[in-house]
Amino acid sequence: MQGIDPQQILQLLGPRTGVGLLFDIILYLIFILGIIGLFMQSDKQLIATLLVAGALLATVLAKLQFFDNQLVLGIYGFGALIINALLLITTALAAGITKAKRSRPILVIMAILAAVYFFLYWALTQSGLL
């Protein structure tokens, strides 16, 4: 079993070059909007808060490329597809069910960015165009 190397984690959290930089910028924006939306939720909105927290976890997993090059069910990057879909679904659900009127526009923008990231990542990385 390998140990966790903090330097490698910090390197993966930093910006990449090329097309990876575009993905990183989108993920950074999603994460920042998620933090803002998380703190704007009221105390009585447990489900929406948990959905935003799940989206933040999916954002970090996507940025760390947790499942990128693994072969699952005969498909390379299947885990990354699931993480990206989880990011899209949790942000859209959180935007739809929140009752905090101030956080709804932020969560809607976050969901739109998650959809852009999901489809760009699929089109450019997983479909084999790049």
Protein backbone atom coordinates (compact mmCIF):
# COMPACT_ATOMS: atom_id res chain seq x y z
CA MET A 1 0.00 0.00 0.00
CA GLN A 2 1.35 3.39 -0.96
CA GLY A 3 1.29 6.36 1.37
CA ILE A 4 -0.41 9.62 0.58
CA ASP A 5 2.05 12.18 -0.71
CA PRO A 6 0.91 15.75 0.13
CA GLN A 7 3.20 17.21 -2.53
CA GLN A 8 1.52 15.14 -5.23
CA ILE A 9 -1.93 16.22 -4.02
CA LEU A 10 -0.89 19.89 -4.09
CA GLN A 11 0.53 19.41 -7.57
CA LEU A 12 -2.74 17.89 -8.78
CA LEU A 13 -4.76 20.74 -7.23
CA GLY A 14 -2.70 23.33 -9.08
CA PRO A 15 -3.50 24.50 -12.60
CA ARG A 16 -2.39 22.44 -15.58
CA THR A 17 -1.46 23.58 -19.08
CA GLY A 18 -3.25 23.29 -22.40
CA VAL A 19 -6.85 22.07 -22.43
CA GLY A 20 -6.45 20.97 -18.81
CA LEU A 21 -6.24 24.65 -17.86
CA LEU A 22 -9.72 25.23 -19.29
CA PHE A 23 -11.08 22.34 -17.22
CA ASP A 24 -9.26 23.64 -14.14
CA ILE A 25 -10.69 27.15 -14.48
CA ILE A 26 -14.22 25.75 -14.76
CA LEU A 27 -13.66 23.50 -11.72
CA TYR A 28 -12.22 26.39 -9.70
CA LEU A 29 -15.27 28.53 -10.54
CA ILE A 30 -17.63 25.69 -9.61
CA PHE A 31 -15.82 25.22 -6.29
CA ILE A 32 -15.87 28.94 -5.43
CA LEU A 33 -19.55 29.26 -6.31
CA GLY A 34 -20.26 26.11 -4.31
CA ILE A 35 -18.57 27.52 -1.20
CA ILE A 36 -20.54 30.76 -1.56
CA GLY A 37 -23.78 28.85 -2.13
CA LEU A 38 -23.06 26.55 0.81
CA PHE A 39 -22.73 29.46 3.23
CA MET A 40 -25.85 31.15 1.85
CA GLN A 41 -28.07 28.18 2.67
CA SER A 42 -30.31 28.50 5.68
CA ASP A 43 -30.00 26.19 8.65
CA LYS A 44 -33.26 24.45 7.77
CA GLN A 45 -32.10 23.40 4.28
CA LEU A 46 -30.23 20.21 5.17
CA ILE A 47 -30.87 18.40 1.85
CA ALA A 48 -29.76 21.36 -0.28
CA THR A 49 -26.72 21.86 1.93
CA LEU A 50 -25.75 18.19 1.62
CA LEU A 51 -26.20 18.32 -2.17
CA VAL A 52 -23.92 21.34 -2.45
CA ALA A 53 -21.37 19.62 -0.18
CA GLY A 54 -21.58 16.54 -2.41
CA ALA A 55 -20.96 18.74 -5.43
CA LEU A 56 -17.91 20.22 -3.72
CA LEU A 57 -16.60 16.70 -3.01
CA ALA A 58 -17.19 15.71 -6.65
CA THR A 59 -15.36 18.85 -7.77
CA VAL A 60 -12.31 17.97 -5.67
CA LEU A 61 -12.37 14.36 -6.93
CA ALA A 62 -12.61 15.58 -10.52
CA LYS A 63 -9.72 17.99 -9.99
CA LEU A 64 -7.57 15.28 -8.40
CA GLN A 65 -8.34 13.08 -11.43
CA PHE A 66 -9.26 10.31 -9.03
CA PHE A 67 -10.67 7.88 -11.60
CA ASP A 68 -9.31 9.23 -14.90
CA ASN A 69 -7.22 6.43 -16.36
CA GLN A 70 -8.79 3.38 -14.80
CA LEU A 71 -10.47 0.68 -16.82
CA VAL A 72 -13.94 -0.06 -15.42
CA LEU A 73 -16.52 -2.17 -17.22
CA GLY A 74 -14.32 -2.14 -20.31
CA ILE A 75 -14.39 1.66 -20.55
CA TYR A 76 -11.44 3.92 -19.79
CA GLY A 77 -12.45 6.90 -17.70
CA PHE A 78 -15.79 5.43 -16.61
CA GLY A 79 -15.15 6.55 -13.04
CA ALA A 80 -14.45 10.09 -14.23
CA LEU A 81 -17.74 10.03 -16.14
CA ILE A 82 -19.59 9.02 -12.98
CA ILE A 83 -17.87 11.75 -10.91
CA ASN A 84 -18.69 14.37 -13.55
CA ALA A 85 -22.29 13.19 -13.75
CA LEU A 86 -22.52 13.32 -9.95
CA LEU A 87 -21.22 16.89 -10.07
CA LEU A 88 -23.84 17.87 -12.64
CA ILE A 89 -26.74 16.12 -10.92
CA THR A 90 -26.01 17.38 -7.40
CA THR A 91 -25.61 20.98 -8.54
CA ALA A 92 -28.80 20.89 -10.59
CA LEU A 93 -30.77 19.29 -7.74
CA ALA A 94 -29.41 21.76 -5.20
CA ALA A 95 -30.37 24.68 -7.45
CA GLY A 96 -33.82 23.24 -7.93
CA ILE A 97 -34.75 22.44 -4.34
CA THR A 98 -33.18 25.32 -2.43
CA LYS A 99 -35.58 27.73 -0.79
CA ALA A 100 -32.95 30.38 -0.12
CA LYS A 101 -33.76 32.95 -2.80
CA ARG A 102 -30.35 34.62 -2.55
CA SER A 103 -28.42 31.42 -3.23
CA ARG A 104 -30.56 30.16 -6.11
CA PRO A 105 -28.88 32.27 -8.87
CA ILE A 106 -25.44 31.22 -7.65
CA LEU A 107 -26.44 27.56 -7.65
CA VAL A 108 -28.01 27.88 -11.11
CA ILE A 109 -24.77 29.37 -12.47
CA MET A 110 -22.89 26.57 -10.72
CA ALA A 111 -25.16 23.98 -12.37
CA ILE A 112 -24.66 25.58 -15.80
CA LEU A 113 -20.88 25.51 -15.32
CA ALA A 114 -21.11 21.87 -14.20
CA ALA A 115 -23.06 21.04 -17.37
CA VAL A 116 -20.48 22.85 -19.52
CA TYR A 117 -17.68 20.98 -17.75
CA PHE A 118 -19.44 17.62 -18.08
CA PHE A 119 -20.06 17.94 -21.80
CA LEU A 120 -16.68 19.53 -22.61
CA TYR A 121 -14.83 16.86 -20.66
CA TRP A 122 -16.80 14.12 -22.38
CA ALA A 123 -16.41 15.63 -25.85
CA LEU A 124 -12.73 16.48 -25.60
CA THR A 125 -11.28 13.83 -23.29
CA GLN A 126 -13.47 10.77 -23.06
CA SER A 127 -14.64 10.57 -26.64
CA GLY A 128 -11.05 10.49 -27.86
CA LEU A 129 -10.91 13.81 -29.70
CA LEU A 130 -7.81 14.86 -27.73
